[in-house]
Each structure stands twice: as structure tokens, then as C-alpha cells.
Amino acid sequence: MKKIKKYKFDELYKMESGISTKAEQSGKGYPFVSFKCVYDDYFLPDELKDLMDTSDAEKEKYSIKKGDILLTRTSETIDELGISSVALKDYKNATYSGFLKRLRPKKNESVYHKYIAFYLRSNFFRKMMTNNSVLTLRASLNEKIFSYLELFLPDYDDQVKYGDLLFAIQSKIKINKKIINEIYNLNKTIYDYWFLQFDFDKNYKSSGGKMVFNEDFDREIPEDFTYVELGEICDLYQPEIISQEQLKQDGKYLVYGSNGIIGRYDRYNHKETELIISCRGDCGNLHITQPCSWITGNSMVIKPKINELSITFLHRAISLSNISSAITGSVQGQITRKNLSKIKICIPEKDLSPIKKFKSLTNINLKKIIETNSENIYLTKLRDWLVPLMISNQIKL
């Protein structure tokens, strides 16, 4: 197996700062790469959704070409500094934010862009980045730090093999996320048609089903429907909190906090899939967990008391409710069980067949979401296991 070669980062790439813009330029004009766009993915999206009104000179100076690396330049925390995203193509007329740095290859034959995307997001490089970062009031990446950084790269041919394999895994993860999103949208469409337009069971409303006006919510609902408090139909509770020190990268079970998956742990406290809502900090975010997970006290579990109710129904119903009314706290947001229990949702009063049919129909979709999520968890673990082996050249393809 061939040896790893060491390079100075600035030997292979030239660093340039991004464009300084004004508020009135935003939202119109030409494609634009923002801080968030870079932070969100290993690779820039095929289509840039943000726009910036830029001149021809600016488009030339702050251009984005295939193989360019964009790095987050400044942040309030070191963890968000130097996060990279790589361009897979030339972006016509596009520019990039002043909160980013652009690294343009000097020697294209030395670095394969798909491989470097995973290298720069690896724990190995992230540690190197944080050890050399400047933290005053904000973490900052500059040319001086850039000159200290080193890259340890295998031969170009090996980089291509490694990069193409990792890219294939990443592409499958991305496709799976789209599948999951489409299934969520399908469940949402069914819910909205059945329980917002009330055209369930042979088109109830459009076929002349009796509707009555509800003064509290200023809308018409079927005569057999009513608004009930969430606490009447669901058990609400916060599980045991575990500390950051207890989280393990190689733990067997996923841990869910207020922002979804936050790590792994050696035990689980919920065997079944659960619906949870973030109740501290960024409150009101709903998540559906994988089976056999640990749910921390930063989230509240919403468990149906009524057998006909499904978490797919509650997920959509709660997202449409007035969640903000349950949030308290001036410095840090908080949702208590008492406040959340008072949120009202609309369900049948006696004949529960509509929500029973909805559960039967959407539980098939929920199963597909769980299966696809499981595949992504496995693929992510595989990717993260392969990267350090490739960096240290301990694997041969």
C-alpha cells in the first residue's frame, strides 16, 4: 500500500474571503451561498436557493467553481468554525457570503474534491481545526491559521476510489432523506384532506355532511367532532436526563434531546417509537423516535391514551395547534406538562372510525419512515467508520 503524503494546506489551495453585502441586495438577483448552505451538507446543493443582487465584477471575483471548498469563517463557537462544503460543479453567476472563506485548488491533480469533502468533516481534521482556531468574542478563521494546517493525503488514484465510495454512501443517505420527507408530506396531505377539509369517509363535507360553527376556534367542524385538551387524550411526561459525559459515540442506542438525535448511550428507556416535543430552549419541535431509544428530559413524550389515536395523527394535529401558548420563560423557552396539556386539538367525539382509519393507513407510512431512518443510521455509521481508515490508508479498494 502506498504511503500517505503530507501537504501544507496553503500549498494546495488559495484562500479568499467572501463578499460583503447589504440587506437591500438580498432576496433578488443571482445565486448565493450562505453560511447555512455550507453548514448543512458536505456538498453544495445542485440548486442554490438564496439570491443576492451582485455586479459582474463581484460575480467574477467571488465565483464558485467545481472543486472549490467553502468554509465557515466566523462563529460564536469553535464547533461551527471551519465547517466545509465542496462544489461538485461550476455555479454560473453565483457568489458566496462574507461569513465564508473560499479555498480554490492550485493543483487539481493532487486533491480529489469528493474525497476532500469527507476528509475535512472528519474528526481528525476537526480536531486540527479547533486546536488552531482563534477565539476572542467569536471564533474566527484567517489566513494565518490556514497556513498552519496540514493535509495527509493518499495517492490521487486512491483518493478517487475512496471519494467515489463515500459519495455513493452519502448520496444514498440523501435519497433516503428525500423519501422520508415525501412520506411525511403524504401523511400531511391525508391529514389535511380528512381533518382540515373534513372530507374523510366518502367525502363527508363535500357530500353534505352536517357542519357546526365552533366559536372558540372560529371555524366549522363536523357535528360529531369536538376540541379536546391534549392532556385528556395523551399521557405527557419528561424522562430522565443524562449528561453530556454519559453520551458515547459508539453507544448502542440513539439518544433524543430537544433537537432530535444528540448522541448514543448504552441503554434505552423507550422500546417503542414515540412522539416527542422539545420543551427546553428551542421549544415546540416535534420528532418521531426510532424504536429502542433513550429520550432525555429536554423533550416531552406524548403518548396516546386512546387506542385509535396514532402518533402520525398527533404529529400533524399538534404542529397545527397553538404551541406557542404553551411556551414560557423570558431568557430560555420552556414547555411544562401543565401548559402542554391545555393545547386543544379537534377529534371525533363518539365515532372514532375516521382516526382509526387514518391510523391504519398512515402506520404503513410510519413503518417505512422507521425502516428508512434505520438504513440511514447504519449508512452514516459505516461512512464515519470508513473515513478514518481511509485517512490513515488502512483500507484497500
Protein backbone atom coordinates (compact mmCIF):
# COMPACT_ATOMS: atom_id res chain seq x y z
CA MET A 1 0.00 0.00 0.00
CA LYS A 2 1.33 3.42 -0.94
CA LYS A 3 2.37 5.95 1.66
CA ILE A 4 0.43 8.98 2.84
CA LYS A 5 1.94 12.29 1.72
CA LYS A 6 1.89 15.43 3.88
CA TYR A 7 0.98 18.81 2.34
CA LYS A 8 0.65 22.30 3.69
CA PHE A 9 -2.97 23.32 3.17
CA ASP A 10 -1.93 26.61 1.55
CA GLU A 11 0.35 24.68 -0.78
CA LEU A 12 -2.71 23.08 -2.39
CA TYR A 13 -5.35 25.80 -2.02
CA LYS A 14 -5.64 29.57 -2.21
CA MET A 15 -7.89 31.19 0.38
CA GLU A 16 -10.20 34.12 -0.45
CA SER A 17 -12.77 35.93 1.70
CA GLY A 18 -16.42 36.25 0.68
CA ILE A 19 -18.49 39.20 -0.46
CA SER A 20 -19.71 41.98 1.84
CA THR A 21 -23.36 42.68 1.09
CA LYS A 22 -26.16 44.96 2.24
CA ALA A 23 -29.66 43.96 3.29
CA GLU A 24 -31.25 45.56 0.23
CA GLN A 25 -29.25 43.23 -2.07
CA SER A 26 -30.70 40.09 -0.52
CA GLY A 27 -33.57 38.05 -1.98
CA LYS A 28 -33.08 39.07 -5.62
CA GLY A 29 -30.56 38.74 -8.39
CA TYR A 30 -28.21 35.77 -8.69
CA PRO A 31 -27.45 32.51 -6.82
CA PHE A 32 -25.76 32.96 -3.46
CA VAL A 33 -24.10 30.60 -0.96
CA SER A 34 -24.93 31.40 2.67
CA PHE A 35 -23.37 30.24 5.94
CA LYS A 36 -26.27 27.82 6.49
CA CYS A 37 -25.96 26.36 2.99
CA VAL A 38 -22.34 25.38 3.72
CA TYR A 39 -23.04 24.22 7.27
CA ASP A 40 -25.87 21.88 6.20
CA ASP A 41 -24.08 19.47 3.87
CA TYR A 42 -20.76 18.01 2.72
CA PHE A 43 -21.54 19.28 -0.80
CA LEU A 44 -23.23 22.40 -2.12
CA PRO A 45 -26.78 21.68 -3.34
CA ASP A 46 -27.36 21.34 -7.07
CA GLU A 47 -29.55 24.46 -6.97
CA LEU A 48 -28.74 27.46 -4.77
CA LYS A 49 -31.99 28.83 -3.34
CA ASP A 50 -30.60 32.06 -1.84
CA LEU A 51 -30.25 35.12 -4.09
CA MET A 52 -28.06 38.22 -3.99
CA ASP A 53 -28.06 41.25 -6.29
CA THR A 54 -24.42 41.33 -7.39
CA SER A 55 -22.43 43.08 -10.12
CA ASP A 56 -20.47 41.42 -12.95
CA ALA A 57 -17.22 42.29 -11.20
CA GLU A 58 -18.41 40.69 -7.94
CA LYS A 59 -19.54 37.56 -9.78
CA GLU A 60 -16.10 37.27 -11.30
CA LYS A 61 -14.19 37.87 -8.06
CA TYR A 62 -16.39 35.73 -5.79
CA SER A 63 -17.13 32.93 -8.26
CA ILE A 64 -17.70 29.28 -7.34
CA LYS A 65 -16.16 26.54 -9.47
CA LYS A 66 -16.00 22.76 -9.36
CA GLY A 67 -13.58 21.63 -6.65
CA ASP A 68 -13.86 24.84 -4.60
CA ILE A 69 -14.13 24.38 -0.85
CA LEU A 70 -16.25 26.84 1.12
CA LEU A 71 -15.52 27.09 4.85
CA THR A 72 -17.43 28.83 7.63
CA ARG A 73 -15.16 31.75 8.58
CA THR A 74 -16.65 33.01 11.84
CA SER A 75 -18.95 31.71 14.54
CA GLU A 76 -19.86 32.13 18.18
CA THR A 77 -18.50 28.65 18.89
CA ILE A 78 -15.39 26.82 17.66
CA ASP A 79 -17.52 23.76 16.81
CA GLU A 80 -19.14 25.70 13.95
CA LEU A 81 -15.88 27.12 12.63
CA GLY A 82 -14.24 25.74 9.50
CA ILE A 83 -17.20 23.56 8.52
CA SER A 84 -16.79 22.78 4.84
CA SER A 85 -18.91 22.20 1.77
CA VAL A 86 -17.48 21.31 -1.64
CA ALA A 87 -18.70 22.41 -5.08
CA LEU A 88 -19.40 19.50 -7.44
CA LYS A 89 -19.81 21.80 -10.46
CA ASP A 90 -19.33 25.36 -11.67
CA TYR A 91 -22.11 27.68 -10.42
CA LYS A 92 -22.84 30.29 -13.07
CA ASN A 93 -23.15 33.86 -11.69
CA ALA A 94 -23.01 32.62 -8.08
CA THR A 95 -21.21 34.36 -5.21
CA TYR A 96 -20.62 33.47 -1.56
CA SER A 97 -21.12 35.14 1.82
CA GLY A 98 -18.58 37.21 3.71
CA PHE A 99 -19.06 34.78 6.61
CA LEU A 100 -17.31 32.16 4.46
CA LYS A 101 -13.85 31.54 3.02
CA ARG A 102 -13.28 30.04 -0.42
CA LEU A 103 -10.42 27.61 -0.99
CA ARG A 104 -9.63 27.19 -4.67
CA PRO A 105 -7.34 24.30 -5.74
CA LYS A 106 -3.88 25.24 -7.02
CA LYS A 107 -3.04 21.69 -8.09
CA ASN A 108 -6.11 19.79 -9.30
CA GLU A 109 -4.14 16.58 -9.80
CA SER A 110 -3.20 16.40 -6.07
CA VAL A 111 -6.64 16.50 -4.43
CA TYR A 112 -9.87 14.76 -5.44
CA HIS A 113 -12.77 17.02 -4.49
CA LYS A 114 -15.14 14.24 -3.40
CA TYR A 115 -12.54 12.75 -1.06
CA ILE A 116 -11.51 16.08 0.48
CA ALA A 117 -15.17 16.79 1.35
CA PHE A 118 -15.19 13.86 3.79
CA TYR A 119 -11.62 14.43 4.96
CA LEU A 120 -12.42 18.00 6.06
CA ARG A 121 -15.51 16.88 8.00
CA SER A 122 -13.68 14.03 9.75
CA ASN A 123 -12.94 14.09 13.48
CA PHE A 124 -9.24 14.00 12.58
CA PHE A 125 -9.36 17.30 10.71
CA ARG A 126 -11.95 18.90 13.01
CA LYS A 127 -9.59 18.44 15.97
CA MET A 128 -6.76 20.01 13.99
CA MET A 129 -9.02 22.93 13.10
CA THR A 130 -10.20 23.64 16.65
CA ASN A 131 -6.68 23.37 18.05
CA ASN A 132 -5.52 26.15 15.71
CA SER A 133 -8.58 28.41 15.90
CA VAL A 134 -8.74 31.90 17.36
CA LEU A 135 -11.49 32.51 19.92
CA THR A 136 -11.99 36.07 21.12
CA LEU A 137 -15.62 37.18 21.27
CA ARG A 138 -16.23 34.98 18.22
CA ALA A 139 -14.31 32.08 16.76
CA SER A 140 -12.51 33.16 13.59
CA LEU A 141 -10.65 31.50 10.72
CA ASN A 142 -7.96 33.52 8.96
CA GLU A 143 -5.07 33.07 6.51
CA LYS A 144 -2.53 32.67 9.34
CA ILE A 145 -4.41 29.68 10.79
CA PHE A 146 -4.80 28.33 7.27
CA SER A 147 -1.01 28.35 6.80
CA TYR A 148 -0.55 26.16 9.91
CA LEU A 149 -2.92 23.42 8.76
CA GLU A 150 -1.64 20.27 7.10
CA LEU A 151 -3.29 17.64 4.91
CA PHE A 152 -2.28 13.97 4.89
CA LEU A 153 -3.37 12.53 1.56
CA PRO A 154 -3.00 9.18 -0.21
CA ASP A 155 -2.23 8.99 -3.93
CA TYR A 156 -4.74 10.68 -6.20
CA ASP A 157 -5.99 7.34 -7.60
CA ASP A 158 -6.75 6.10 -4.09
CA GLN A 159 -8.48 9.39 -3.27
CA VAL A 160 -10.77 8.83 -6.28
CA LYS A 161 -11.68 5.30 -5.10
CA TYR A 162 -12.27 6.47 -1.53
CA GLY A 163 -14.14 9.61 -2.54
CA ASP A 164 -16.44 7.84 -5.00
CA LEU A 165 -17.38 5.17 -2.43
CA LEU A 166 -18.08 7.72 0.30
CA PHE A 167 -20.00 9.88 -2.16
CA ALA A 168 -22.17 6.90 -3.13
CA ILE A 169 -22.97 6.28 0.55
CA GLN A 170 -23.70 9.97 1.10
CA SER A 171 -25.92 10.08 -2.00
CA LYS A 172 -27.97 7.15 -0.68
CA ILE A 173 -28.36 8.90 2.67
CA LYS A 174 -29.60 11.99 0.82
CA ILE A 175 -32.07 9.96 -1.28
CA ASN A 176 -33.39 8.31 1.89
CA LYS A 177 -33.93 11.71 3.49
CA LYS A 178 -35.98 12.74 0.45
CA ILE A 179 -38.03 9.54 0.73
CA ILE A 180 -38.71 10.24 4.41
CA ASN A 181 -39.68 13.83 3.65
CA GLU A 182 -42.06 12.70 0.90
CA ILE A 183 -43.72 10.21 3.25
CA TYR A 184 -44.16 12.92 5.88
CA ASN A 185 -45.71 15.13 3.18
CA LEU A 186 -48.06 12.30 2.16
CA ASN A 187 -49.23 11.87 5.76
CA LYS A 188 -49.67 15.63 6.00
CA THR A 189 -51.77 15.70 2.79
CA ILE A 190 -54.03 12.90 4.02
CA TYR A 191 -54.49 14.60 7.41
CA ASP A 192 -55.26 17.98 5.85
CA TYR A 193 -57.80 16.46 3.46
CA TRP A 194 -59.50 14.44 6.19
CA PHE A 195 -59.27 16.71 9.23
CA LEU A 196 -58.95 20.26 7.88
CA GLN A 197 -61.26 19.96 4.86
CA PHE A 198 -63.18 17.18 6.65
CA ASP A 199 -63.55 15.09 3.52
CA PHE A 200 -62.99 11.76 5.23
CA ASP A 201 -65.26 8.73 4.84
CA LYS A 202 -66.75 9.20 1.35
CA ASN A 203 -66.05 12.95 1.28
CA TYR A 204 -68.03 13.91 4.38
CA LYS A 205 -68.14 17.70 3.97
CA SER A 206 -68.36 17.89 0.17
CA SER A 207 -71.15 15.28 0.23
CA GLY A 208 -73.29 17.39 2.54
CA GLY A 209 -72.23 16.16 5.97
CA LYS A 210 -73.58 18.39 8.74
CA MET A 211 -71.15 21.06 9.92
CA VAL A 212 -71.47 23.27 13.02
CA PHE A 213 -69.71 26.53 13.83
CA ASN A 214 -67.20 26.48 16.70
CA GLU A 215 -66.96 29.93 18.26
CA ASP A 216 -63.72 29.27 20.19
CA PHE A 217 -61.79 28.46 17.02
CA ASP A 218 -63.90 30.50 14.58
CA ARG A 219 -64.46 27.65 12.14
CA GLU A 220 -66.93 24.98 11.12
CA ILE A 221 -66.34 21.38 12.19
CA PRO A 222 -68.44 18.21 11.72
CA GLU A 223 -71.27 17.92 14.23
CA ASP A 224 -69.70 14.79 15.74
CA PHE A 225 -66.30 16.49 16.27
CA THR A 226 -65.10 18.48 19.26
CA TYR A 227 -61.96 20.20 20.58
CA VAL A 228 -60.30 18.41 23.49
CA GLU A 229 -57.28 19.24 25.63
CA LEU A 230 -54.17 17.21 24.79
CA GLY A 231 -53.89 16.10 28.42
CA GLU A 232 -57.28 14.38 28.18
CA ILE A 233 -56.23 12.06 25.36
CA CYS A 234 -52.46 11.70 25.93
CA ASP A 235 -50.04 10.94 28.72
CA LEU A 236 -47.35 13.65 28.87
CA TYR A 237 -44.08 13.19 30.74
CA GLN A 238 -40.39 14.09 30.72
CA PRO A 239 -37.98 11.13 31.00
CA GLU A 240 -34.72 11.03 32.92
CA ILE A 241 -31.95 13.39 31.79
CA ILE A 242 -28.49 12.04 31.04
CA SER A 243 -25.40 14.24 30.97
CA GLN A 244 -23.14 15.00 28.01
CA GLU A 245 -20.45 12.90 29.70
CA GLN A 246 -22.70 9.84 29.52
CA LEU A 247 -23.16 10.14 25.75
CA LYS A 248 -20.96 7.77 23.76
CA GLN A 249 -20.03 7.92 20.10
CA ASP A 250 -20.13 4.12 19.89
CA GLY A 251 -23.15 3.62 22.16
CA LYS A 252 -25.66 1.03 21.01
CA TYR A 253 -28.83 3.13 21.23
CA LEU A 254 -29.78 6.56 19.91
CA VAL A 255 -30.37 9.43 22.34
CA TYR A 256 -33.03 12.04 21.55
CA GLY A 257 -32.98 15.54 23.01
CA SER A 258 -34.66 18.83 22.16
CA ASN A 259 -33.01 18.95 18.70
CA GLY A 260 -33.59 15.34 17.71
CA ILE A 261 -30.72 12.82 17.82
CA ILE A 262 -27.93 14.14 20.07
CA GLY A 263 -25.76 11.04 20.55
CA ARG A 264 -25.72 7.44 21.69
CA TYR A 265 -25.99 5.59 25.00
CA ASP A 266 -25.57 2.02 26.25
CA ARG A 267 -29.20 1.73 27.39
CA TYR A 268 -32.64 2.71 26.13
CA ASN A 269 -35.65 3.91 28.13
CA HIS A 270 -38.29 3.59 25.38
CA LYS A 271 -38.72 0.37 23.43
CA GLU A 272 -41.42 1.63 21.06
CA THR A 273 -41.44 4.52 18.59
CA GLU A 274 -42.58 7.67 20.40
CA LEU A 275 -43.72 11.19 19.55
CA ILE A 276 -41.71 13.80 21.44
CA ILE A 277 -41.68 17.61 21.62
CA SER A 278 -38.71 19.79 22.60
CA CYS A 279 -39.52 21.52 25.89
CA ARG A 280 -36.35 23.48 26.69
CA GLY A 281 -34.53 26.13 24.65
CA ASP A 282 -35.83 25.87 21.08
CA CYS A 283 -39.27 24.67 22.17
CA GLY A 284 -42.05 23.10 20.14
CA ASN A 285 -40.08 20.91 17.71
CA LEU A 286 -41.76 17.55 17.14
CA HIS A 287 -39.81 14.35 16.46
CA ILE A 288 -40.77 10.71 15.91
CA THR A 289 -38.14 8.47 17.51
CA GLN A 290 -36.66 5.18 16.38
CA PRO A 291 -37.54 2.07 18.44
CA CYS A 292 -35.28 1.30 21.41
CA SER A 293 -34.07 4.84 22.06
CA TRP A 294 -33.16 6.93 25.09
CA ILE A 295 -35.29 10.07 25.34
CA THR A 296 -33.91 12.77 27.64
CA GLY A 297 -35.75 15.20 29.87
CA ASN A 298 -35.18 18.06 27.42
CA SER A 299 -38.04 16.51 25.46
CA MET A 300 -41.55 15.54 26.50
CA VAL A 301 -43.12 12.27 25.42
CA ILE A 302 -46.66 12.47 24.02
CA LYS A 303 -48.27 9.05 24.38
CA PRO A 304 -51.88 8.45 23.16
CA LYS A 305 -54.33 7.14 25.76
CA ILE A 306 -56.89 6.26 23.09
CA ASN A 307 -56.04 3.17 21.06
CA GLU A 308 -57.45 4.65 17.83
CA LEU A 309 -55.10 7.65 18.03
CA SER A 310 -51.78 7.38 16.23
CA ILE A 311 -48.60 9.39 16.64
CA THR A 312 -48.88 10.30 12.93
CA PHE A 313 -52.25 11.96 13.68
CA LEU A 314 -50.91 13.73 16.77
CA HIS A 315 -47.75 14.86 14.96
CA ARG A 316 -49.77 16.83 12.42
CA ALA A 317 -52.54 17.94 14.80
CA ILE A 318 -50.10 19.36 17.36
CA SER A 319 -47.99 21.07 14.69
CA LEU A 320 -51.15 22.95 13.61
CA SER A 321 -52.13 23.86 17.16
CA ASN A 322 -51.15 26.97 19.09
CA ILE A 323 -47.93 25.52 20.56
CA SER A 324 -46.57 28.99 21.34
CA SER A 325 -49.25 29.39 24.03
CA ALA A 326 -47.56 26.59 25.99
CA ILE A 327 -44.09 28.19 25.93
CA THR A 328 -42.98 30.21 28.96
CA GLY A 329 -39.69 31.77 30.06
CA SER A 330 -38.11 35.05 29.02
CA VAL A 331 -34.41 34.04 28.93
CA GLN A 332 -34.85 30.40 27.88
CA GLY A 333 -38.03 28.92 26.49
CA GLN A 334 -39.72 26.13 28.39
CA ILE A 335 -42.80 23.94 27.93
CA THR A 336 -44.28 22.40 31.06
CA ARG A 337 -46.59 19.39 31.17
CA LYS A 338 -49.32 21.58 32.64
CA ASN A 339 -49.17 24.08 29.78
CA LEU A 340 -48.83 21.49 27.02
CA SER A 341 -51.80 19.53 28.36
CA LYS A 342 -54.07 22.56 27.73
CA ILE A 343 -53.41 22.68 23.97
CA LYS A 344 -56.57 21.70 22.11
CA ILE A 345 -56.97 19.52 19.02
CA CYS A 346 -60.02 18.51 17.03
CA ILE A 347 -61.15 14.85 17.11
CA PRO A 348 -64.42 12.90 16.70
CA GLU A 349 -66.48 12.93 19.89
CA LYS A 350 -68.09 9.48 19.60
CA ASP A 351 -67.49 7.74 16.30
CA LEU A 352 -63.71 7.26 16.23
CA SER A 353 -63.67 5.43 12.89
CA PRO A 354 -62.06 8.37 10.97
CA ILE A 355 -59.00 8.47 13.21
CA LYS A 356 -58.90 4.67 13.36
CA LYS A 357 -58.79 4.51 9.53
CA PHE A 358 -56.16 7.26 9.47
CA LYS A 359 -54.00 5.24 11.88
CA SER A 360 -54.33 2.09 9.80
CA LEU A 361 -53.41 3.94 6.61
CA THR A 362 -50.52 6.06 7.89
CA ASN A 363 -48.95 3.40 10.11
CA ILE A 364 -47.75 1.74 6.89
CA ASN A 365 -46.02 5.01 6.05
CA LEU A 366 -44.64 5.29 9.59
CA LYS A 367 -43.10 1.82 9.27
CA LYS A 368 -41.38 2.90 6.04
CA ILE A 369 -40.05 6.06 7.77
CA ILE A 370 -38.60 3.97 10.61
CA GLU A 371 -37.03 1.45 8.21
CA THR A 372 -35.51 4.18 6.03
CA ASN A 373 -34.22 6.04 9.08
CA SER A 374 -32.63 2.80 10.31
CA GLU A 375 -30.85 2.41 6.98
CA ASN A 376 -29.55 5.98 7.19
CA ILE A 377 -28.30 5.42 10.73
CA TYR A 378 -26.40 2.35 9.51
CA LEU A 379 -25.01 4.13 6.42
CA THR A 380 -23.90 7.12 8.50
CA LYS A 381 -22.13 4.82 10.94
CA LEU A 382 -20.49 2.97 8.03
CA ARG A 383 -19.35 6.24 6.44
CA ASP A 384 -17.92 7.54 9.72
CA TRP A 385 -16.14 4.21 10.32
CA LEU A 386 -14.58 4.19 6.85
CA VAL A 387 -13.30 7.78 6.78
CA PRO A 388 -10.56 7.44 9.46
CA LEU A 389 -9.44 4.15 7.90
CA MET A 390 -9.10 5.89 4.55
CA ILE A 391 -7.28 8.87 6.04
CA SER A 392 -4.74 6.57 7.68
CA ASN A 393 -4.58 4.42 4.50
CA GLN A 394 -5.58 1.25 6.37
CA ILE A 395 -8.03 0.13 3.74
CA LYS A 396 -7.63 -1.02 0.16
CA LEU A 397 -10.34 -0.93 -2.52
